C-alpha cells in the first residue's frame, strides 16, 4: 500500500470537507425544493418554513398529511359544487360526436 504524502492527505481532507458541505446543504434545502416542486406540479404555494416546522413536529407522515390536505382543499375550491340536483356531465360519459 502506498504511503500518503502530506499533500495527498490534505487533498483527501479537502475533498471530504467539500462533500460534507454539499451533503449538509442538500439536507437543509429539502423543504425549499419540496415547496418549489409542489408549486410547479400543483400550483399550491407553501413556505419552506412551514414544511420544516411540520416535519420537525410530525415527521414525514405530517408533511404527507399537510400535502394531502392542501391538494384536497385546492381541488374542492376549484371544482364546481356537485349536488343531487346537478345535471350529469355528458361530456365525460359520451364522446363529443354523440352529444
Protein backbone atom coordinates (compact mmCIF):
# COMPACT_ATOMS: atom_id res chain seq x y z
CA UNK A 1 0.00 0.00 0.00
CA UNK A 2 1.48 3.37 -0.99
CA UNK A 3 2.14 5.85 1.74
CA UNK A 4 0.18 9.07 1.87
CA UNK A 5 2.17 12.21 1.46
CA UNK A 6 1.11 15.33 3.39
CA UNK A 7 -0.15 16.88 0.15
CA UNK A 8 -2.26 13.82 -0.66
CA UNK A 9 -3.67 13.75 2.89
CA UNK A 10 -4.56 17.44 2.62
CA UNK A 11 -6.21 16.84 -0.75
CA UNK A 12 -8.30 13.97 0.63
CA UNK A 13 -9.35 16.08 3.61
CA UNK A 14 -10.34 18.95 1.31
CA UNK A 15 -12.41 16.65 -0.91
CA UNK A 16 -14.07 15.13 2.16
CA UNK A 17 -14.88 18.59 3.52
CA UNK A 18 -16.42 19.67 0.20
CA UNK A 19 -18.56 16.53 0.08
CA UNK A 20 -19.67 17.05 3.68
CA UNK A 21 -20.67 20.67 2.94
CA UNK A 22 -22.64 19.51 -0.11
CA UNK A 23 -24.44 16.90 2.00
CA UNK A 24 -25.37 19.42 4.70
CA UNK A 25 -26.59 21.96 2.13
CA UNK A 26 -28.73 19.36 0.35
CA UNK A 27 -30.32 18.31 3.66
CA UNK A 28 -31.03 21.91 4.64
CA UNK A 29 -32.60 22.74 1.26
CA UNK A 30 -35.09 19.85 1.21
CA UNK A 31 -38.07 21.95 2.36
CA UNK A 32 -37.35 24.62 -0.26
CA UNK A 33 -37.04 22.04 -3.04
CA UNK A 34 -40.27 20.36 -1.91
CA UNK A 35 -42.20 23.65 -1.96
CA UNK A 36 -40.84 24.55 -5.41
CA UNK A 37 -41.84 21.13 -6.72
CA UNK A 38 -45.28 21.42 -5.11
CA UNK A 39 -45.87 24.84 -6.65
CA UNK A 40 -44.69 23.69 -10.08
CA UNK A 41 -46.76 20.50 -10.12
CA UNK A 42 -49.96 21.66 -8.44
CA UNK A 43 -49.89 25.45 -8.22
CA UNK A 44 -50.04 25.34 -4.41
CA UNK A 45 -47.75 27.87 -2.75
CA UNK A 46 -46.32 26.86 0.61
CA UNK A 47 -43.47 28.28 2.65
CA UNK A 48 -40.36 26.21 3.29
CA UNK A 49 -40.51 27.23 6.96
CA UNK A 50 -43.94 25.71 7.34
CA UNK A 51 -42.80 22.44 5.77
CA UNK A 52 -39.74 22.37 8.05
CA UNK A 53 -41.92 23.11 11.09
CA UNK A 54 -44.38 20.32 10.25
CA UNK A 55 -41.54 17.89 9.53
CA UNK A 56 -39.90 18.70 12.86
CA UNK A 57 -43.20 18.32 14.71
CA UNK A 58 -44.77 15.29 12.96
CA UNK A 59 -42.12 13.82 10.62
CA UNK A 60 -42.68 12.52 7.10
CA UNK A 61 -46.24 11.48 7.82
CA UNK A 62 -47.10 15.01 8.93
CA UNK A 63 -45.74 16.54 5.74
CA UNK A 64 -47.66 13.93 3.72
CA UNK A 65 -50.88 14.81 5.60
CA UNK A 66 -50.28 18.53 5.04
CA UNK A 67 -49.74 17.91 1.33
CA UNK A 68 -52.92 15.83 1.02
CA UNK A 69 -54.97 18.40 2.94
CA UNK A 70 -53.74 21.18 0.63
CA UNK A 71 -54.46 19.13 -2.51
CA UNK A 72 -57.98 18.28 -1.32
CA UNK A 73 -58.68 21.87 -0.20
CA UNK A 74 -57.47 23.29 -3.53
CA UNK A 75 -59.42 20.72 -5.52
CA UNK A 76 -62.63 21.44 -3.61
CA UNK A 77 -62.12 25.18 -4.02
CA UNK A 78 -61.58 24.96 -7.79
CA UNK A 79 -64.12 22.32 -8.79
CA UNK A 80 -67.83 23.06 -9.16
CA UNK A 81 -70.05 22.08 -6.28
CA UNK A 82 -71.96 18.90 -7.12
CA UNK A 83 -75.36 18.31 -5.54
CA UNK A 84 -78.06 15.70 -6.23
CA UNK A 85 -79.83 18.30 -8.41
CA UNK A 86 -76.76 18.89 -10.58
CA UNK A 87 -77.27 17.51 -14.11
CA UNK A 88 -74.76 14.86 -15.19
CA UNK A 89 -71.72 15.95 -17.15
CA UNK A 90 -72.41 14.34 -20.52
CA UNK A 91 -69.01 15.22 -21.96
CA UNK A 92 -67.35 12.73 -19.64
CA UNK A 93 -69.89 9.99 -20.33
CA UNK A 94 -70.37 10.25 -24.08
CA UNK A 95 -67.90 11.15 -26.81
CA UNK A 96 -68.38 14.61 -28.37
CA UNK A 97 -69.73 13.26 -31.70
CA UNK A 98 -72.62 11.52 -29.87
CA UNK A 99 -73.76 14.65 -27.97
